[in-house]
Amino acid sequence: MMPDLISIFMSIYSIFVMETIESIELIISASIAIFSVLLLVVSISGYRKTRIRLTIYAIIIFGLFAIQQFLDLLDDVIPILDNTITDLVVHSSTLAILIIFFLAIIRDPTKS
């Protein structure tokens, strides 16, 4: 009788903990997506004011990152989007972000 009661308690506890962790994960993912959109808007505003061409890289990176985060968030919320195509797009956007970031670093700032 006692092991059954302990296993029931542990099952209920693990379900509660998992739901709490998933909720925290969704809040963090949504916060990252919102923050990336905010950085995108700030980058666009900065480019309009300064016309520094290097800012275009930041605009592209933050835009891709915002798309990536929203897709990843929707993938967690909407079960039908949990497929290999969504995963491929998310991972491809990560690769594109890294490539553009690398190009921004190696680009000679004296050339237009």
N, C-alpha and C. Protein backbone atom coordinates (compact mmCIF):
# COMPACT_ATOMS: atom_id res chain seq x y z
N MET A 1 0.83 -1.20 0.00
CA MET A 1 0.00 0.00 0.00
C MET A 1 0.86 1.25 0.00
N MET A 2 1.93 1.26 0.79
CA MET A 2 2.77 2.44 0.89
C MET A 2 3.52 2.76 -0.42
N PRO A 3 4.10 1.79 -1.11
CA PRO A 3 4.78 2.13 -2.37
C PRO A 3 3.82 2.71 -3.40
N ASP A 4 2.60 2.26 -3.41
CA ASP A 4 1.63 2.79 -4.36
C ASP A 4 1.32 4.25 -4.08
N LEU A 5 1.21 4.59 -2.81
CA LEU A 5 0.94 5.96 -2.42
C LEU A 5 2.12 6.88 -2.78
N ILE A 6 3.32 6.39 -2.56
CA ILE A 6 4.51 7.17 -2.91
C ILE A 6 4.62 7.35 -4.42
N SER A 7 4.35 6.30 -5.18
CA SER A 7 4.44 6.43 -6.65
C SER A 7 3.37 7.38 -7.18
N ILE A 8 2.19 7.36 -6.59
CA ILE A 8 1.13 8.30 -7.01
C ILE A 8 1.56 9.73 -6.70
N PHE A 9 2.10 9.94 -5.49
CA PHE A 9 2.56 11.27 -5.12
C PHE A 9 3.66 11.75 -6.06
N MET A 10 4.61 10.88 -6.38
CA MET A 10 5.72 11.25 -7.27
C MET A 10 5.20 11.55 -8.68
N SER A 11 4.22 10.82 -9.14
CA SER A 11 3.64 11.08 -10.47
C SER A 11 2.96 12.44 -10.51
N ILE A 12 2.17 12.74 -9.49
CA ILE A 12 1.50 14.03 -9.42
C ILE A 12 2.52 15.16 -9.33
N TYR A 13 3.54 14.96 -8.50
CA TYR A 13 4.59 15.96 -8.35
C TYR A 13 5.33 16.20 -9.66
N SER A 14 5.67 15.13 -10.37
CA SER A 14 6.42 15.29 -11.63
C SER A 14 5.57 15.98 -12.69
N ILE A 15 4.28 15.69 -12.73
CA ILE A 15 3.39 16.37 -13.68
C ILE A 15 3.33 17.87 -13.37
N PHE A 16 3.20 18.21 -12.08
CA PHE A 16 3.15 19.62 -11.68
C PHE A 16 4.45 20.33 -12.03
N VAL A 17 5.58 19.69 -11.74
CA VAL A 17 6.87 20.30 -12.03
C VAL A 17 7.06 20.47 -13.53
N MET A 18 6.69 19.48 -14.33
CA MET A 18 6.85 19.57 -15.78
C MET A 18 5.97 20.68 -16.36
N GLU A 19 4.76 20.79 -15.89
CA GLU A 19 3.88 21.86 -16.38
C GLU A 19 4.43 23.23 -16.00
N THR A 20 4.98 23.34 -14.82
CA THR A 20 5.57 24.59 -14.38
C THR A 20 6.79 24.94 -15.24
N ILE A 21 7.63 23.96 -15.49
CA ILE A 21 8.81 24.19 -16.32
C ILE A 21 8.42 24.56 -17.74
N GLU A 22 7.41 23.89 -18.30
CA GLU A 22 6.95 24.22 -19.64
C GLU A 22 6.37 25.63 -19.70
N SER A 23 5.66 26.03 -18.66
CA SER A 23 5.11 27.39 -18.61
C SER A 23 6.23 28.42 -18.55
N ILE A 24 7.25 28.16 -17.75
CA ILE A 24 8.39 29.07 -17.66
C ILE A 24 9.11 29.14 -19.00
N GLU A 25 9.25 27.99 -19.67
CA GLU A 25 9.90 27.95 -20.98
C GLU A 25 9.13 28.79 -22.00
N LEU A 26 7.81 28.70 -21.98
CA LEU A 26 7.00 29.50 -22.91
C LEU A 26 7.12 30.99 -22.62
N ILE A 27 7.16 31.35 -21.35
CA ILE A 27 7.31 32.77 -20.98
C ILE A 27 8.66 33.29 -21.45
N ILE A 28 9.71 32.51 -21.25
CA ILE A 28 11.04 32.93 -21.69
C ILE A 28 11.10 33.03 -23.21
N SER A 29 10.53 32.06 -23.92
CA SER A 29 10.53 32.10 -25.38
C SER A 29 9.77 33.32 -25.91
N ALA A 30 8.63 33.61 -25.31
CA ALA A 30 7.86 34.78 -25.73
C ALA A 30 8.63 36.06 -25.43
N SER A 31 9.30 36.12 -24.29
CA SER A 31 10.09 37.30 -23.94
C SER A 31 11.24 37.51 -24.93
N ILE A 32 11.90 36.42 -25.32
CA ILE A 32 12.98 36.52 -26.31
C ILE A 32 12.44 37.02 -27.64
N ALA A 33 11.30 36.50 -28.06
CA ALA A 33 10.71 36.92 -29.33
C ALA A 33 10.35 38.41 -29.30
N ILE A 34 9.73 38.84 -28.22
CA ILE A 34 9.36 40.25 -28.09
C ILE A 34 10.60 41.15 -28.05
N PHE A 35 11.61 40.72 -27.30
CA PHE A 35 12.85 41.50 -27.20
C PHE A 35 13.56 41.58 -28.55
N SER A 36 13.54 40.51 -29.33
CA SER A 36 14.19 40.55 -30.64
C SER A 36 13.45 41.50 -31.59
N VAL A 37 12.12 41.55 -31.49
CA VAL A 37 11.37 42.51 -32.31
C VAL A 37 11.70 43.94 -31.86
N LEU A 38 11.81 44.16 -30.57
CA LEU A 38 12.19 45.47 -30.05
C LEU A 38 13.57 45.88 -30.57
N LEU A 39 14.53 44.96 -30.54
CA LEU A 39 15.86 45.26 -31.07
C LEU A 39 15.83 45.52 -32.56
N LEU A 40 14.96 44.82 -33.28
CA LEU A 40 14.79 45.06 -34.71
C LEU A 40 14.29 46.48 -34.96
N VAL A 41 13.30 46.89 -34.21
CA VAL A 41 12.74 48.24 -34.36
C VAL A 41 13.78 49.30 -34.02
N VAL A 42 14.55 49.07 -32.94
CA VAL A 42 15.59 50.02 -32.55
C VAL A 42 16.68 50.09 -33.63
N SER A 43 17.03 48.95 -34.22
CA SER A 43 18.04 48.93 -35.29
C SER A 43 17.57 49.69 -36.53
N ILE A 44 16.31 49.49 -36.88
CA ILE A 44 15.76 50.21 -38.04
C ILE A 44 15.75 51.71 -37.77
N SER A 45 15.35 52.09 -36.57
CA SER A 45 15.34 53.50 -36.20
C SER A 45 16.75 54.08 -36.21
N GLY A 46 17.70 53.32 -35.69
CA GLY A 46 19.10 53.77 -35.70
C GLY A 46 19.65 53.92 -37.11
N TYR A 47 19.27 53.01 -37.99
CA TYR A 47 19.74 53.12 -39.37
C TYR A 47 19.15 54.35 -40.06
N ARG A 48 17.89 54.61 -39.81
CA ARG A 48 17.25 55.78 -40.42
C ARG A 48 17.90 57.09 -39.96
N LYS A 49 18.36 57.11 -38.71
CA LYS A 49 18.98 58.32 -38.18
C LYS A 49 20.43 58.48 -38.62
N THR A 50 21.18 57.38 -38.65
CA THR A 50 22.62 57.48 -38.90
C THR A 50 23.04 57.08 -40.30
N ARG A 51 22.27 56.24 -40.96
CA ARG A 51 22.59 55.72 -42.30
C ARG A 51 23.92 54.95 -42.32
N ILE A 52 24.28 54.37 -41.17
CA ILE A 52 25.48 53.53 -41.11
C ILE A 52 25.11 52.17 -41.70
N ARG A 53 25.83 51.80 -42.77
CA ARG A 53 25.46 50.59 -43.51
C ARG A 53 25.67 49.31 -42.70
N LEU A 54 26.57 49.35 -41.73
CA LEU A 54 26.80 48.18 -40.90
C LEU A 54 25.56 47.82 -40.07
N THR A 55 24.70 48.79 -39.86
CA THR A 55 23.47 48.57 -39.11
C THR A 55 22.52 47.64 -39.87
N ILE A 56 22.66 47.58 -41.18
CA ILE A 56 21.81 46.71 -41.99
C ILE A 56 22.01 45.25 -41.57
N TYR A 57 23.25 44.89 -41.24
CA TYR A 57 23.50 43.53 -40.77
C TYR A 57 22.72 43.26 -39.48
N ALA A 58 22.72 44.21 -38.58
CA ALA A 58 21.98 44.04 -37.33
C ALA A 58 20.48 43.91 -37.61
N ILE A 59 19.98 44.69 -38.54
CA ILE A 59 18.56 44.63 -38.89
C ILE A 59 18.20 43.24 -39.42
N ILE A 60 19.03 42.72 -40.31
CA ILE A 60 18.77 41.39 -40.87
C ILE A 60 18.87 40.32 -39.78
N ILE A 61 19.90 40.42 -38.94
CA ILE A 61 20.08 39.42 -37.89
C ILE A 61 18.91 39.45 -36.90
N PHE A 62 18.52 40.63 -36.45
CA PHE A 62 17.41 40.70 -35.49
C PHE A 62 16.10 40.27 -36.13
N GLY A 63 15.92 40.57 -37.41
CA GLY A 63 14.71 40.12 -38.11
C GLY A 63 14.65 38.61 -38.21
N LEU A 64 15.76 38.00 -38.62
CA LEU A 64 15.81 36.54 -38.70
C LEU A 64 15.62 35.91 -37.32
N PHE A 65 16.24 36.52 -36.32
CA PHE A 65 16.12 35.98 -34.97
C PHE A 65 14.68 36.08 -34.47
N ALA A 66 13.99 37.17 -34.79
CA ALA A 66 12.59 37.32 -34.39
C ALA A 66 11.73 36.26 -35.06
N ILE A 67 11.95 36.04 -36.37
CA ILE A 67 11.20 35.01 -37.09
C ILE A 67 11.48 33.63 -36.48
N GLN A 68 12.75 33.37 -36.20
CA GLN A 68 13.14 32.09 -35.63
C GLN A 68 12.46 31.87 -34.28
N GLN A 69 12.47 32.87 -33.43
CA GLN A 69 11.88 32.73 -32.10
C GLN A 69 10.36 32.55 -32.17
N PHE A 70 9.70 33.30 -33.06
CA PHE A 70 8.26 33.14 -33.19
C PHE A 70 7.91 31.76 -33.73
N LEU A 71 8.68 31.25 -34.69
CA LEU A 71 8.44 29.90 -35.19
C LEU A 71 8.65 28.86 -34.09
N ASP A 72 9.71 29.04 -33.33
CA ASP A 72 9.99 28.11 -32.24
C ASP A 72 8.90 28.18 -31.17
N LEU A 73 8.42 29.36 -30.89
CA LEU A 73 7.34 29.53 -29.91
C LEU A 73 6.04 28.90 -30.42
N LEU A 74 5.71 29.16 -31.69
CA LEU A 74 4.50 28.56 -32.27
C LEU A 74 4.61 27.05 -32.34
N ASP A 75 5.83 26.56 -32.56
CA ASP A 75 6.08 25.12 -32.59
C ASP A 75 5.73 24.48 -31.24
N ASP A 76 5.99 25.21 -30.15
CA ASP A 76 5.66 24.70 -28.82
C ASP A 76 4.18 24.82 -28.50
N VAL A 77 3.53 25.85 -29.04
CA VAL A 77 2.12 26.12 -28.69
C VAL A 77 1.14 25.37 -29.60
N ILE A 78 1.44 25.33 -30.90
CA ILE A 78 0.53 24.71 -31.87
C ILE A 78 1.13 23.35 -32.29
N PRO A 79 0.52 22.27 -31.88
CA PRO A 79 1.09 20.94 -32.14
C PRO A 79 1.29 20.60 -33.62
N ILE A 80 0.45 21.13 -34.50
CA ILE A 80 0.57 20.79 -35.92
C ILE A 80 1.86 21.35 -36.53
N LEU A 81 2.41 22.39 -35.92
CA LEU A 81 3.66 22.97 -36.42
C LEU A 81 4.89 22.22 -35.93
N ASP A 82 4.68 21.24 -35.08
CA ASP A 82 5.80 20.44 -34.56
C ASP A 82 6.16 19.37 -35.58
N ASN A 83 6.87 19.79 -36.63
CA ASN A 83 7.26 18.86 -37.68
C ASN A 83 8.68 19.16 -38.15
N THR A 84 9.16 18.36 -39.05
CA THR A 84 10.56 18.50 -39.49
C THR A 84 10.78 19.76 -40.33
N ILE A 85 9.77 20.21 -41.04
CA ILE A 85 9.93 21.42 -41.86
C ILE A 85 10.14 22.64 -40.95
N THR A 86 9.37 22.74 -39.88
CA THR A 86 9.55 23.84 -38.94
C THR A 86 10.93 23.78 -38.30
N ASP A 87 11.35 22.58 -37.93
CA ASP A 87 12.69 22.43 -37.36
C ASP A 87 13.77 22.82 -38.36
N LEU A 88 13.58 22.46 -39.62
CA LEU A 88 14.53 22.81 -40.67
C LEU A 88 14.62 24.33 -40.85
N VAL A 89 13.48 25.01 -40.83
CA VAL A 89 13.47 26.47 -40.97
C VAL A 89 14.14 27.13 -39.76
N VAL A 90 13.86 26.64 -38.57
CA VAL A 90 14.46 27.22 -37.36
C VAL A 90 15.97 27.04 -37.38
N HIS A 91 16.43 25.85 -37.72
CA HIS A 91 17.88 25.60 -37.74
C HIS A 91 18.56 26.33 -38.90
N SER A 92 17.88 26.44 -40.02
CA SER A 92 18.45 27.19 -41.15
C SER A 92 18.57 28.67 -40.83
N SER A 93 17.59 29.20 -40.10
CA SER A 93 17.69 30.61 -39.73
C SER A 93 18.82 30.84 -38.73
N THR A 94 19.09 29.87 -37.87
CA THR A 94 20.23 29.98 -36.96
C THR A 94 21.53 30.02 -37.76
N LEU A 95 21.65 29.16 -38.76
CA LEU A 95 22.84 29.16 -39.61
C LEU A 95 22.97 30.48 -40.37
N ALA A 96 21.86 31.00 -40.88
CA ALA A 96 21.89 32.28 -41.59
C ALA A 96 22.31 33.42 -40.66
N ILE A 97 21.82 33.41 -39.44
CA ILE A 97 22.20 34.43 -38.46
C ILE A 97 23.70 34.39 -38.21
N LEU A 98 24.24 33.20 -38.03
CA LEU A 98 25.67 33.07 -37.78
C LEU A 98 26.50 33.53 -38.98
N ILE A 99 26.07 33.18 -40.18
CA ILE A 99 26.80 33.60 -41.39
C ILE A 99 26.77 35.11 -41.54
N ILE A 100 25.62 35.72 -41.35
CA ILE A 100 25.51 37.18 -41.48
C ILE A 100 26.32 37.87 -40.39
N PHE A 101 26.29 37.32 -39.19
CA PHE A 101 27.10 37.88 -38.11
C PHE A 101 28.58 37.80 -38.46
N PHE A 102 29.02 36.69 -39.01
CA PHE A 102 30.41 36.53 -39.43
C PHE A 102 30.75 37.54 -40.52
N LEU A 103 29.87 37.71 -41.50
CA LEU A 103 30.12 38.69 -42.57
C LEU A 103 30.21 40.10 -42.02
N ALA A 104 29.40 40.41 -41.02
CA ALA A 104 29.45 41.74 -40.41
C ALA A 104 30.78 41.96 -39.70
N ILE A 105 31.33 40.91 -39.12
CA ILE A 105 32.59 41.05 -38.40
C ILE A 105 33.76 41.22 -39.36
N ILE A 106 33.78 40.43 -40.45
CA ILE A 106 34.95 40.47 -41.34
C ILE A 106 34.86 41.59 -42.37
N ARG A 107 33.73 42.22 -42.50
CA ARG A 107 33.54 43.29 -43.49
C ARG A 107 34.42 44.48 -43.12
N ASP A 108 35.05 45.04 -44.12
CA ASP A 108 35.88 46.23 -43.93
C ASP A 108 34.97 47.44 -43.78
N PRO A 109 34.97 48.11 -42.63
CA PRO A 109 34.05 49.24 -42.42
C PRO A 109 34.38 50.47 -43.27
N THR A 110 35.57 50.51 -43.86
CA THR A 110 35.93 51.67 -44.68
C THR A 110 35.33 51.60 -46.07
N LYS A 111 34.93 50.38 -46.51
CA LYS A 111 34.31 50.21 -47.83
C LYS A 111 32.80 50.32 -47.71
N SER A 112 32.19 50.92 -48.70
CA SER A 112 30.72 51.09 -48.67
C SER A 112 30.03 49.90 -49.25
